[in-house]
C-alpha atoms as a PDB file:
ATOM      1  CA  MET A   1       0.869 -15.376  46.660  1.00  0.00           C
ATOM      2  CA  HIS A   2       0.377 -17.032  43.261  1.00  0.00           C
ATOM      3  CA  LYS A   3      -3.408 -16.739  43.588  1.00  0.00           C
ATOM      4  CA  VAL A   4      -3.066 -12.975  44.196  1.00  0.00           C
ATOM      5  CA  ALA A   5      -0.748 -12.550  41.193  1.00  0.00           C
ATOM      6  CA  LEU A   6      -3.052 -14.649  38.997  1.00  0.00           C
ATOM      7  CA  GLY A   7      -6.013 -12.596  40.190  1.00  0.00           C
ATOM      8  CA  ALA A   8      -4.203  -9.368  39.277  1.00  0.00           C
ATOM      9  CA  VAL A   9      -3.456 -10.703  35.784  1.00  0.00           C
ATOM     10  CA  VAL A  10      -7.104 -11.716  35.264  1.00  0.00           C
ATOM     11  CA  VAL A  11      -8.286  -8.269  36.407  1.00  0.00           C
ATOM     12  CA  ALA A  12      -5.760  -6.532  34.126  1.00  0.00           C
ATOM     13  CA  PHE A  13      -6.822  -8.558  31.070  1.00  0.00           C
ATOM     14  CA  GLY A  14     -10.465  -7.965  31.977  1.00  0.00           C
ATOM     15  CA  ALA A  15      -9.845  -4.209  31.995  1.00  0.00           C
ATOM     16  CA  LEU A  16      -8.135  -4.434  28.606  1.00  0.00           C
ATOM     17  CA  SER A  17     -11.076  -6.396  27.222  1.00  0.00           C
ATOM     18  CA  VAL A  18     -13.541  -3.763  28.394  1.00  0.00           C
ATOM     19  CA  SER A  19     -11.558  -0.918  26.817  1.00  0.00           C
ATOM     20  CA  GLY A  20     -11.045  -3.050  23.703  1.00  0.00           C
ATOM     21  CA  ALA A  21     -14.800  -3.575  23.441  1.00  0.00           C
ATOM     22  CA  TYR A  22     -15.293   0.180  23.204  1.00  0.00           C
ATOM     23  CA  ALA A  23     -12.661   0.478  20.488  1.00  0.00           C
ATOM     24  CA  GLU A  24     -14.133  -2.434  18.535  1.00  0.00           C
ATOM     25  CA  SER A  25     -17.629  -0.944  18.618  1.00  0.00           C
ATOM     26  CA  MET A  26     -16.537   2.161  16.705  1.00  0.00           C
ATOM     27  CA  GLU A  27     -16.156   2.096  12.934  1.00  0.00           C
ATOM     28  CA  LEU A  28     -14.601   4.684  10.607  1.00  0.00           C
ATOM     29  CA  THR A  29     -15.224   4.808   6.847  1.00  0.00           C
ATOM     30  CA  SER A  30     -14.619   7.111   3.902  1.00  0.00           C
ATOM     31  CA  ALA A  31     -16.184   7.290   0.446  1.00  0.00           C
ATOM     32  CA  GLU A  32     -12.852   8.380  -1.074  1.00  0.00           C
ATOM     33  CA  VAL A  33     -10.179   6.478   0.884  1.00  0.00           C
ATOM     34  CA  HIS A  34     -10.489   2.764   1.610  1.00  0.00           C
ATOM     35  CA  LYS A  35      -8.744   0.422   4.036  1.00  0.00           C
ATOM     36  CA  GLY A  36      -5.644  -1.087   2.453  1.00  0.00           C
ATOM     37  CA  ALA A  37      -6.183   0.727  -0.866  1.00  0.00           C
ATOM     38  CA  THR A  38      -4.023   3.286  -2.644  1.00  0.00           C
ATOM     39  CA  ILE A  39      -4.969   6.890  -1.907  1.00  0.00           C
ATOM     40  CA  LYS A  40      -6.177   8.726  -5.010  1.00  0.00           C
ATOM     41  CA  ASN A  41      -4.542  11.849  -6.440  1.00  0.00           C
ATOM     42  CA  GLU A  42      -7.492  13.940  -5.219  1.00  0.00           C
ATOM     43  CA  GLN A  43      -6.281  13.451  -1.605  1.00  0.00           C
ATOM     44  CA  VAL A  44      -2.526  13.766  -2.365  1.00  0.00           C
ATOM     45  CA  PHE A  45      -0.644  16.899  -1.266  1.00  0.00           C
ATOM     46  CA  LYS A  46      -0.001  19.726  -3.705  1.00  0.00           C
ATOM     47  CA  GLY A  47       3.594  20.814  -3.118  1.00  0.00           C
ATOM     48  CA  PHE A  48       6.916  19.221  -2.093  1.00  0.00           C
ATOM     49  CA  GLY A  49       7.025  17.796  -5.642  1.00  0.00           C
ATOM     50  CA  CYS A  50       3.553  16.239  -5.396  1.00  0.00           C
ATOM     51  CA  THR A  51       0.782  17.354  -7.758  1.00  0.00           C
ATOM     52  CA  GLY A  52      -2.401  16.215  -6.031  1.00  0.00           C
ATOM     53  CA  ASP A  53      -5.540  18.211  -5.262  1.00  0.00           C
ATOM     54  CA  ASN A  54      -4.892  18.139  -1.471  1.00  0.00           C
ATOM     55  CA  MET A  55      -8.596  17.558  -0.784  1.00  0.00           C
ATOM     56  CA  SER A  56      -9.390  15.858   2.496  1.00  0.00           C
ATOM     57  CA  PRO A  57     -11.666  12.816   2.219  1.00  0.00           C
ATOM     58  CA  SER A  58     -15.113  12.599   3.729  1.00  0.00           C
ATOM     59  CA  LEU A  59     -15.169  10.578   6.942  1.00  0.00           C
ATOM     60  CA  SER A  60     -18.095   8.895   8.745  1.00  0.00           C
ATOM     61  CA  TRP A  61     -18.137   7.040  12.042  1.00  0.00           C
ATOM     62  CA  THR A  62     -20.500   5.001  14.157  1.00  0.00           C
ATOM     63  CA  GLY A  63     -20.506   3.292  17.551  1.00  0.00           C
ATOM     64  CA  ALA A  64     -19.190   6.038  19.824  1.00  0.00           C
ATOM     65  CA  PRO A  65     -19.098   4.915  23.457  1.00  0.00           C
ATOM     66  CA  LYS A  66     -21.537   6.276  26.017  1.00  0.00           C
ATOM     67  CA  GLY A  67     -20.165   9.445  27.581  1.00  0.00           C
ATOM     68  CA  THR A  68     -18.589  10.769  24.386  1.00  0.00           C
ATOM     69  CA  LYS A  69     -18.536  14.573  24.552  1.00  0.00           C
ATOM     70  CA  SER A  70     -16.452  15.343  21.446  1.00  0.00           C
ATOM     71  CA  PHE A  71     -14.366  13.755  18.702  1.00  0.00           C
ATOM     72  CA  ALA A  72     -10.879  14.211  17.282  1.00  0.00           C
ATOM     73  CA  ILE A  73      -9.451  13.127  13.924  1.00  0.00           C
ATOM     74  CA  THR A  74      -5.846  12.485  12.971  1.00  0.00           C
ATOM     75  CA  VAL A  75      -4.039  11.317   9.859  1.00  0.00           C
ATOM     76  CA  TYR A  76      -0.527  10.069  10.559  1.00  0.00           C
ATOM     77  CA  ASP A  77       2.286   8.576   8.441  1.00  0.00           C
ATOM     78  CA  PRO A  78       4.668   6.519  10.609  1.00  0.00           C
ATOM     79  CA  ASP A  79       6.880   5.781   7.573  1.00  0.00           C
ATOM     80  CA  ALA A  80       8.016   9.383   6.961  1.00  0.00           C
ATOM     81  CA  PRO A  81      11.815   9.672   7.097  1.00  0.00           C
ATOM     82  CA  THR A  82      11.832  12.006  10.099  1.00  0.00           C
ATOM     83  CA  GLY A  83      12.409   9.739  13.084  1.00  0.00           C
ATOM     84  CA  SER A  84       8.963  10.689  14.401  1.00  0.00           C
ATOM     85  CA  GLY A  85       6.610  10.153  11.452  1.00  0.00           C
ATOM     86  CA  TRP A  86       4.483  12.889   9.866  1.00  0.00           C
ATOM     87  CA  TRP A  87       1.159  14.389  11.005  1.00  0.00           C
ATOM     88  CA  HIS A  88      -1.051  15.161   7.996  1.00  0.00           C
ATOM     89  CA  TRP A  89      -4.224  16.237   9.785  1.00  0.00           C
ATOM     90  CA  VAL A  90      -5.130  17.063  13.382  1.00  0.00           C
ATOM     91  CA  VAL A  91      -8.695  18.079  14.266  1.00  0.00           C
ATOM     92  CA  PHE A  92     -10.190  18.245  17.761  1.00  0.00           C
ATOM     93  CA  ASN A  93     -13.194  19.548  19.716  1.00  0.00           C
ATOM     94  CA  ILE A  94     -15.582  18.171  17.086  1.00  0.00           C
ATOM     95  CA  PRO A  95     -19.059  18.265  18.697  1.00  0.00           C
ATOM     96  CA  ALA A  96     -20.423  14.928  19.966  1.00  0.00           C
ATOM     97  CA  SER A  97     -23.487  15.274  17.718  1.00  0.00           C
ATOM     98  CA  THR A  98     -21.226  14.948  14.651  1.00  0.00           C
ATOM     99  CA  THR A  99     -20.957  11.555  12.932  1.00  0.00           C
ATOM    100  CA  SER A 100     -19.398  12.637   9.643  1.00  0.00           C
ATOM    101  CA  ILE A 101     -17.474  15.380   7.923  1.00  0.00           C
ATOM    102  CA  PRO A 102     -17.714  16.179   4.211  1.00  0.00           C
ATOM    103  CA  LYS A 103     -15.018  15.954   1.582  1.00  0.00           C
ATOM    104  CA  ASN A 104     -12.738  19.026   1.632  1.00  0.00           C
ATOM    105  CA  ALA A 105     -13.535  19.851   5.289  1.00  0.00           C
ATOM    106  CA  GLY A 106      -9.756  19.928   5.808  1.00  0.00           C
ATOM    107  CA  ASP A 107      -9.558  23.189   3.838  1.00  0.00           C
ATOM    108  CA  VAL A 108      -9.822  25.725   6.677  1.00  0.00           C
ATOM    109  CA  ASN A 109     -10.980  28.410   4.216  1.00  0.00           C
ATOM    110  CA  ALA A 110     -13.924  26.265   3.061  1.00  0.00           C
ATOM    111  CA  LYS A 111     -15.389  26.364   6.614  1.00  0.00           C
ATOM    112  CA  LEU A 112     -16.960  22.891   6.292  1.00  0.00           C
ATOM    113  CA  MET A 113     -16.038  21.681   9.784  1.00  0.00           C
ATOM    114  CA  PRO A 114     -18.724  21.715  12.495  1.00  0.00           C
ATOM    115  CA  GLU A 115     -18.877  24.811  14.700  1.00  0.00           C
ATOM    116  CA  GLY A 116     -16.242  24.649  17.436  1.00  0.00           C
ATOM    117  CA  ALA A 117     -13.935  22.126  15.734  1.00  0.00           C
ATOM    118  CA  ILE A 118     -10.284  23.169  15.618  1.00  0.00           C
ATOM    119  CA  GLN A 119      -7.854  22.130  12.883  1.00  0.00           C
ATOM    120  CA  SER A 120      -4.356  22.590  14.244  1.00  0.00           C
ATOM    121  CA  ARG A 121      -0.847  22.554  12.865  1.00  0.00           C
ATOM    122  CA  THR A 122       0.340  19.663  10.769  1.00  0.00           C
ATOM    123  CA  ASP A 123       3.946  18.827  10.014  1.00  0.00           C
ATOM    124  CA  PHE A 124       3.544  20.961   6.876  1.00  0.00           C
ATOM    125  CA  SER A 125       3.418  23.922   9.361  1.00  0.00           C
ATOM    126  CA  ALA A 126      -0.140  24.753   8.333  1.00  0.00           C
ATOM    127  CA  ASP A 127      -3.629  24.254   9.757  1.00  0.00           C
ATOM    128  CA  GLY A 128      -5.962  21.798   8.064  1.00  0.00           C
ATOM    129  CA  TYR A 129      -5.408  18.777   5.871  1.00  0.00           C
ATOM    130  CA  GLY A 130      -2.108  18.075   4.129  1.00  0.00           C
ATOM    131  CA  GLY A 131      -2.274  14.983   1.945  1.00  0.00           C
ATOM    132  CA  PRO A 132       0.273  12.228   1.354  1.00  0.00           C
ATOM    133  CA  CYS A 133       3.564  13.144  -0.316  1.00  0.00           C
ATOM    134  CA  PRO A 134       6.276  10.604   0.480  1.00  0.00           C
ATOM    135  CA  PRO A 135       9.733  10.934  -1.047  1.00  0.00           C
ATOM    136  CA  LYS A 136       9.929   9.876  -4.692  1.00  0.00           C
ATOM    137  CA  GLY A 137      11.067   6.267  -5.060  1.00  0.00           C
ATOM    138  CA  ALA A 138      10.209   5.307  -1.469  1.00  0.00           C
ATOM    139  CA  LYS A 139       8.092   2.247  -0.731  1.00  0.00           C
ATOM    140  CA  PRO A 140       4.400   3.138  -0.295  1.00  0.00           C
ATOM    141  CA  HIS A 141       3.767   4.785   3.054  1.00  0.00           C
ATOM    142  CA  HIS A 142       0.985   3.818   5.468  1.00  0.00           C
ATOM    143  CA  TYR A 143      -1.507   6.569   6.309  1.00  0.00           C
ATOM    144  CA  HIS A 144      -3.461   5.982   9.521  1.00  0.00           C
ATOM    145  CA  PHE A 145      -6.864   7.711   9.572  1.00  0.00           C
ATOM    146  CA  THR A 146      -8.247   7.715  13.138  1.00  0.00           C
ATOM    147  CA  VAL A 147     -11.305   9.124  14.889  1.00  0.00           C
ATOM    148  CA  PHE A 148     -11.225   9.390  18.695  1.00  0.00           C
ATOM    149  CA  ALA A 149     -14.261   9.512  20.998  1.00  0.00           C
ATOM    150  CA  VAL A 150     -13.322  11.970  23.740  1.00  0.00           C
ATOM    151  CA  ASP A 151     -14.721  12.343  27.286  1.00  0.00           C
ATOM    152  CA  VAL A 152     -14.513  16.175  27.370  1.00  0.00           C
ATOM    153  CA  ASP A 153     -16.154  18.859  25.208  1.00  0.00           C
ATOM    154  CA  LYS A 154     -12.831  20.619  24.711  1.00  0.00           C
ATOM    155  CA  LEU A 155      -9.315  19.302  25.134  1.00  0.00           C
ATOM    156  CA  PRO A 156      -7.798  20.929  28.240  1.00  0.00           C
ATOM    157  CA  ASP A 157      -4.289  21.714  26.977  1.00  0.00           C
ATOM    158  CA  ALA A 158      -4.695  21.939  23.196  1.00  0.00           C
ATOM    159  CA  GLN A 159      -6.716  25.121  23.060  1.00  0.00           C
ATOM    160  CA  ASN A 160      -6.321  26.589  19.570  1.00  0.00           C
ATOM    161  CA  ASP A 161      -4.997  26.027  16.055  1.00  0.00           C
ATOM    162  CA  SER A 162      -1.379  26.479  17.142  1.00  0.00           C
ATOM    163  CA  ALA A 163      -1.505  23.266  19.218  1.00  0.00           C
ATOM    164  CA  SER A 164       1.033  20.708  18.047  1.00  0.00           C
ATOM    165  CA  ALA A 165       0.076  17.157  17.180  1.00  0.00           C
ATOM    166  CA  ALA A 166       2.090  16.044  20.222  1.00  0.00           C
ATOM    167  CA  LEU A 167       0.053  18.263  22.555  1.00  0.00           C
ATOM    168  CA  VAL A 168      -3.215  17.041  21.045  1.00  0.00           C
ATOM    169  CA  GLY A 169      -1.936  13.472  21.413  1.00  0.00           C
ATOM    170  CA  PHE A 170      -1.089  14.135  25.056  1.00  0.00           C
ATOM    171  CA  ASP A 171      -4.665  15.268  25.758  1.00  0.00           C
ATOM    172  CA  LEU A 172      -6.115  12.367  23.783  1.00  0.00           C
ATOM    173  CA  HIS A 173      -4.023   9.912  25.794  1.00  0.00           C
ATOM    174  CA  PHE A 174      -5.915  10.907  28.943  1.00  0.00           C
ATOM    175  CA  HIS A 175      -9.369  11.563  27.449  1.00  0.00           C
ATOM    176  CA  THR A 176     -10.036   8.883  24.804  1.00  0.00           C
ATOM    177  CA  LEU A 177     -13.021   6.608  25.447  1.00  0.00           C
ATOM    178  CA  GLY A 178     -12.692   4.704  22.178  1.00  0.00           C
ATOM    179  CA  LYS A 179     -11.329   5.018  18.668  1.00  0.00           C
ATOM    180  CA  ALA A 180     -11.585   3.607  15.185  1.00  0.00           C
ATOM    181  CA  SER A 181      -9.093   3.713  12.350  1.00  0.00           C
ATOM    182  CA  PHE A 182      -8.097   2.389   8.977  1.00  0.00           C
ATOM    183  CA  THR A 183      -4.851   2.498   7.016  1.00  0.00           C
ATOM    184  CA  ALA A 184      -4.461   3.379   3.336  1.00  0.00           C
ATOM    185  CA  LEU A 185      -1.311   3.510   1.201  1.00  0.00           C
ATOM    186  CA  TYR A 186       0.440   5.936  -1.103  1.00  0.00           C
ATOM    187  CA  GLY A 187       3.820   5.911  -2.816  1.00  0.00           C
ATOM    188  CA  ARG A 188       5.395   7.633  -5.797  1.00  0.00           C
END
């Protein structure tokens, strides 16, 4: 009995190592936002008392796992005083041939996203990028920038720009092959 249980544990850790290898092979970088650094005013939200330029940063990624058919990008603040964090950017159905997006691609009117990519609702109740804007006097918040390698061309349930971050997350839970992320900070 113990040998069977030990075997199951070894198999389970082996499976985690394989999926971890995929995640470790991907890398996400930005020319404007850097891991562990303070986010510049150019990327900060304009509104809610914040006076930034609300310009999304450029993002580049490498190391997508074999079988990747599309990508998704999210920016999430788990420190927001909402009980559920705050979604600042949700993009999905980015073609698999894409390895970067330019600065300001989060402005839906600029039309800088690759053909077929969908920018859906953020917690600002708008499509596209919404930069950091934590409450005044709060400790700096942590902003998680993540790119997901996805095993389908199009997410099955999140089908248009009215899809919530939760619905996109639900699809990503079942269709992510690998991911890469970094965290940057902002407080005021």
